[in-house]
Amino acid sequence: MTGHRRRLSPPFKAEAVQMVIETGKPIAEVLRDLGIHDGTLGNGVNEWRREHPDQPPSPVERARVKELEEENRRLRMENVL
């Protein structure tokens, strides 16, 4: 490993952030798809989400919430019995 980090240009970083937001793919998957190894994309995604709190959750986030709600419901029923 060279210890050299490649900086992403602002337009490229903005497009990568939008890929994460619009597709709901994990950041690591988008990084692999783009052939880059740069943790700053996660910072960019978090920054975008802070600046756009009114945006609805992605399909992946909605599916995860539904899954957790179902698990919660099941666990509550198990505790009642």
N, C-alpha and C. Protein backbone atom coordinates (compact mmCIF):
# COMPACT_ATOMS: atom_id res chain seq x y z
N MET A 1 0.85 -1.18 0.00
CA MET A 1 0.00 0.00 0.00
C MET A 1 0.89 1.24 0.00
N THR A 2 0.58 2.18 -0.80
CA THR A 2 1.45 3.35 -0.96
C THR A 2 1.19 4.44 0.05
N GLY A 3 0.04 4.45 0.68
CA GLY A 3 -0.30 5.51 1.61
C GLY A 3 -0.78 6.76 0.90
N HIS A 4 -0.87 6.71 -0.42
CA HIS A 4 -1.32 7.83 -1.22
C HIS A 4 -2.82 7.76 -1.40
N ARG A 5 -3.51 8.82 -1.06
CA ARG A 5 -4.97 8.86 -1.20
C ARG A 5 -5.35 9.73 -2.37
N ARG A 6 -6.23 9.20 -3.18
CA ARG A 6 -6.73 9.95 -4.33
C ARG A 6 -7.90 10.80 -3.87
N ARG A 7 -7.89 12.07 -4.19
CA ARG A 7 -9.00 12.95 -3.84
C ARG A 7 -10.04 12.91 -4.95
N LEU A 8 -11.29 12.86 -4.53
CA LEU A 8 -12.38 12.87 -5.50
C LEU A 8 -12.72 14.30 -5.85
N SER A 9 -12.95 14.56 -7.12
CA SER A 9 -13.37 15.89 -7.52
C SER A 9 -14.78 16.13 -6.99
N PRO A 10 -15.14 17.37 -6.67
CA PRO A 10 -16.49 17.64 -6.16
C PRO A 10 -17.62 17.12 -7.07
N PRO A 11 -17.54 17.29 -8.41
CA PRO A 11 -18.62 16.76 -9.24
C PRO A 11 -18.71 15.22 -9.18
N PHE A 12 -17.55 14.56 -9.19
CA PHE A 12 -17.53 13.10 -9.13
C PHE A 12 -18.10 12.64 -7.80
N LYS A 13 -17.70 13.28 -6.72
CA LYS A 13 -18.19 12.93 -5.39
C LYS A 13 -19.70 13.14 -5.31
N ALA A 14 -20.20 14.24 -5.88
CA ALA A 14 -21.64 14.52 -5.87
C ALA A 14 -22.41 13.44 -6.63
N GLU A 15 -21.87 13.00 -7.75
CA GLU A 15 -22.53 11.93 -8.51
C GLU A 15 -22.52 10.62 -7.74
N ALA A 16 -21.41 10.32 -7.07
CA ALA A 16 -21.32 9.09 -6.28
C ALA A 16 -22.31 9.13 -5.12
N VAL A 17 -22.42 10.28 -4.47
CA VAL A 17 -23.38 10.44 -3.36
C VAL A 17 -24.79 10.21 -3.89
N GLN A 18 -25.12 10.79 -5.04
CA GLN A 18 -26.46 10.60 -5.61
C GLN A 18 -26.72 9.13 -5.94
N MET A 19 -25.70 8.40 -6.38
CA MET A 19 -25.87 6.97 -6.66
C MET A 19 -26.29 6.25 -5.38
N VAL A 20 -25.66 6.59 -4.27
CA VAL A 20 -26.00 5.96 -2.99
C VAL A 20 -27.43 6.32 -2.60
N ILE A 21 -27.76 7.61 -2.69
CA ILE A 21 -29.08 8.08 -2.27
C ILE A 21 -30.19 7.50 -3.15
N GLU A 22 -30.01 7.55 -4.45
CA GLU A 22 -31.07 7.14 -5.37
C GLU A 22 -31.24 5.63 -5.47
N THR A 23 -30.14 4.88 -5.40
CA THR A 23 -30.25 3.43 -5.56
C THR A 23 -30.45 2.71 -4.24
N GLY A 24 -30.06 3.37 -3.14
CA GLY A 24 -30.16 2.71 -1.84
C GLY A 24 -29.07 1.67 -1.63
N LYS A 25 -28.11 1.61 -2.56
CA LYS A 25 -27.01 0.65 -2.41
C LYS A 25 -26.12 1.08 -1.24
N PRO A 26 -25.49 0.12 -0.60
CA PRO A 26 -24.52 0.48 0.44
C PRO A 26 -23.35 1.26 -0.16
N ILE A 27 -22.77 2.12 0.64
CA ILE A 27 -21.65 2.95 0.17
C ILE A 27 -20.52 2.07 -0.36
N ALA A 28 -20.21 0.99 0.35
CA ALA A 28 -19.12 0.11 -0.07
C ALA A 28 -19.37 -0.47 -1.46
N GLU A 29 -20.63 -0.79 -1.75
CA GLU A 29 -20.95 -1.35 -3.07
C GLU A 29 -20.76 -0.30 -4.17
N VAL A 30 -21.19 0.93 -3.90
CA VAL A 30 -21.01 2.00 -4.89
C VAL A 30 -19.52 2.25 -5.11
N LEU A 31 -18.75 2.23 -4.04
CA LEU A 31 -17.30 2.42 -4.18
C LEU A 31 -16.70 1.34 -5.07
N ARG A 32 -17.10 0.08 -4.85
CA ARG A 32 -16.59 -1.01 -5.69
C ARG A 32 -17.03 -0.82 -7.13
N ASP A 33 -18.32 -0.44 -7.34
CA ASP A 33 -18.82 -0.23 -8.69
C ASP A 33 -18.03 0.83 -9.43
N LEU A 34 -17.62 1.86 -8.70
CA LEU A 34 -16.89 2.96 -9.32
C LEU A 34 -15.38 2.71 -9.36
N GLY A 35 -14.95 1.65 -8.71
CA GLY A 35 -13.53 1.32 -8.72
C GLY A 35 -12.69 2.26 -7.87
N ILE A 36 -13.27 2.79 -6.82
CA ILE A 36 -12.52 3.69 -5.94
C ILE A 36 -12.52 3.13 -4.52
N HIS A 37 -11.54 3.53 -3.77
CA HIS A 37 -11.40 3.11 -2.38
C HIS A 37 -11.21 4.37 -1.55
N ASP A 38 -12.30 5.00 -1.24
CA ASP A 38 -12.21 6.29 -0.56
C ASP A 38 -13.36 6.43 0.43
N GLY A 39 -13.03 6.45 1.72
CA GLY A 39 -14.04 6.55 2.77
C GLY A 39 -14.74 7.89 2.82
N THR A 40 -14.26 8.88 2.09
CA THR A 40 -14.90 10.19 2.15
C THR A 40 -16.29 10.18 1.51
N LEU A 41 -16.59 9.17 0.74
CA LEU A 41 -17.94 9.08 0.16
C LEU A 41 -18.97 8.95 1.27
N GLY A 42 -18.65 8.19 2.29
CA GLY A 42 -19.56 8.06 3.44
C GLY A 42 -19.81 9.40 4.09
N ASN A 43 -18.77 10.21 4.21
CA ASN A 43 -18.94 11.55 4.77
C ASN A 43 -19.84 12.40 3.88
N GLY A 44 -19.67 12.26 2.58
CA GLY A 44 -20.51 13.02 1.65
C GLY A 44 -21.97 12.61 1.73
N VAL A 45 -22.21 11.31 1.85
CA VAL A 45 -23.59 10.81 1.97
C VAL A 45 -24.21 11.32 3.26
N ASN A 46 -23.48 11.22 4.36
CA ASN A 46 -24.01 11.71 5.64
C ASN A 46 -24.29 13.20 5.61
N GLU A 47 -23.40 13.94 4.99
CA GLU A 47 -23.60 15.39 4.85
C GLU A 47 -24.86 15.68 4.03
N TRP A 48 -25.05 14.97 2.92
CA TRP A 48 -26.24 15.17 2.08
C TRP A 48 -27.50 14.87 2.88
N ARG A 49 -27.47 13.78 3.64
CA ARG A 49 -28.65 13.41 4.42
C ARG A 49 -28.97 14.44 5.50
N ARG A 50 -27.93 15.03 6.11
CA ARG A 50 -28.17 16.09 7.11
C ARG A 50 -28.77 17.32 6.45
N GLU A 51 -28.33 17.62 5.23
CA GLU A 51 -28.82 18.80 4.51
C GLU A 51 -30.20 18.58 3.90
N HIS A 52 -30.63 17.35 3.75
CA HIS A 52 -31.91 17.01 3.13
C HIS A 52 -32.73 16.08 4.02
N PRO A 53 -33.03 16.50 5.24
CA PRO A 53 -33.75 15.60 6.16
C PRO A 53 -35.17 15.29 5.71
N ASP A 54 -35.71 16.12 4.80
CA ASP A 54 -37.09 15.93 4.35
C ASP A 54 -37.22 14.85 3.28
N GLN A 55 -36.09 14.32 2.80
CA GLN A 55 -36.13 13.29 1.75
C GLN A 55 -36.66 11.99 2.33
N PRO A 56 -37.53 11.31 1.62
CA PRO A 56 -38.04 10.03 2.11
C PRO A 56 -36.93 8.99 2.14
N PRO A 57 -37.08 7.98 2.98
CA PRO A 57 -36.07 6.93 3.01
C PRO A 57 -36.03 6.16 1.69
N SER A 58 -34.87 5.62 1.39
CA SER A 58 -34.71 4.85 0.16
C SER A 58 -35.50 3.54 0.27
N PRO A 59 -35.73 2.87 -0.85
CA PRO A 59 -36.43 1.58 -0.81
C PRO A 59 -35.72 0.57 0.10
N VAL A 60 -34.42 0.60 0.11
CA VAL A 60 -33.66 -0.32 0.97
C VAL A 60 -33.92 0.01 2.44
N GLU A 61 -33.91 1.30 2.77
CA GLU A 61 -34.17 1.71 4.15
C GLU A 61 -35.60 1.35 4.56
N ARG A 62 -36.55 1.55 3.67
CA ARG A 62 -37.94 1.20 3.99
C ARG A 62 -38.08 -0.31 4.23
N ALA A 63 -37.41 -1.12 3.41
CA ALA A 63 -37.48 -2.57 3.58
C ALA A 63 -36.85 -2.98 4.91
N ARG A 64 -35.77 -2.34 5.27
CA ARG A 64 -35.10 -2.65 6.55
C ARG A 64 -36.00 -2.28 7.72
N VAL A 65 -36.64 -1.13 7.66
CA VAL A 65 -37.55 -0.71 8.73
C VAL A 65 -38.70 -1.71 8.85
N LYS A 66 -39.26 -2.12 7.72
CA LYS A 66 -40.36 -3.08 7.74
C LYS A 66 -39.91 -4.39 8.38
N GLU A 67 -38.72 -4.84 8.00
CA GLU A 67 -38.17 -6.08 8.55
C GLU A 67 -38.01 -5.96 10.07
N LEU A 68 -37.50 -4.83 10.53
CA LEU A 68 -37.30 -4.63 11.97
C LEU A 68 -38.63 -4.52 12.71
N GLU A 69 -39.62 -3.89 12.09
CA GLU A 69 -40.94 -3.80 12.71
C GLU A 69 -41.57 -5.18 12.86
N GLU A 70 -41.42 -6.03 11.84
CA GLU A 70 -41.96 -7.39 11.91
C GLU A 70 -41.25 -8.19 12.99
N GLU A 71 -39.94 -8.05 13.08
CA GLU A 71 -39.19 -8.74 14.11
C GLU A 71 -39.62 -8.26 15.50
N ASN A 72 -39.80 -6.96 15.64
CA ASN A 72 -40.25 -6.38 16.90
C ASN A 72 -41.61 -6.94 17.30
N ARG A 73 -42.53 -7.00 16.34
CA ARG A 73 -43.86 -7.53 16.58
C ARG A 73 -43.79 -9.00 17.02
N ARG A 74 -42.95 -9.78 16.35
CA ARG A 74 -42.79 -11.20 16.69
C ARG A 74 -42.23 -11.35 18.10
N LEU A 75 -41.22 -10.56 18.43
CA LEU A 75 -40.61 -10.65 19.76
C LEU A 75 -41.59 -10.25 20.86
N ARG A 76 -42.42 -9.24 20.58
CA ARG A 76 -43.44 -8.85 21.56
C ARG A 76 -44.41 -10.00 21.82
N MET A 77 -44.81 -10.66 20.75
CA MET A 77 -45.75 -11.79 20.89
C MET A 77 -45.09 -12.92 21.69
N GLU A 78 -43.82 -13.17 21.46
CA GLU A 78 -43.12 -14.22 22.20
C GLU A 78 -43.04 -13.88 23.69
N ASN A 79 -42.88 -12.61 24.00
CA ASN A 79 -42.80 -12.18 25.41
C ASN A 79 -44.14 -12.28 26.10
N VAL A 80 -45.23 -12.17 25.38
CA VAL A 80 -46.57 -12.25 25.96
C VAL A 80 -46.88 -13.68 26.36
N LEU A 81 -46.44 -14.61 25.54
CA LEU A 81 -46.73 -16.04 25.78
C LEU A 81 -45.95 -16.53 26.92
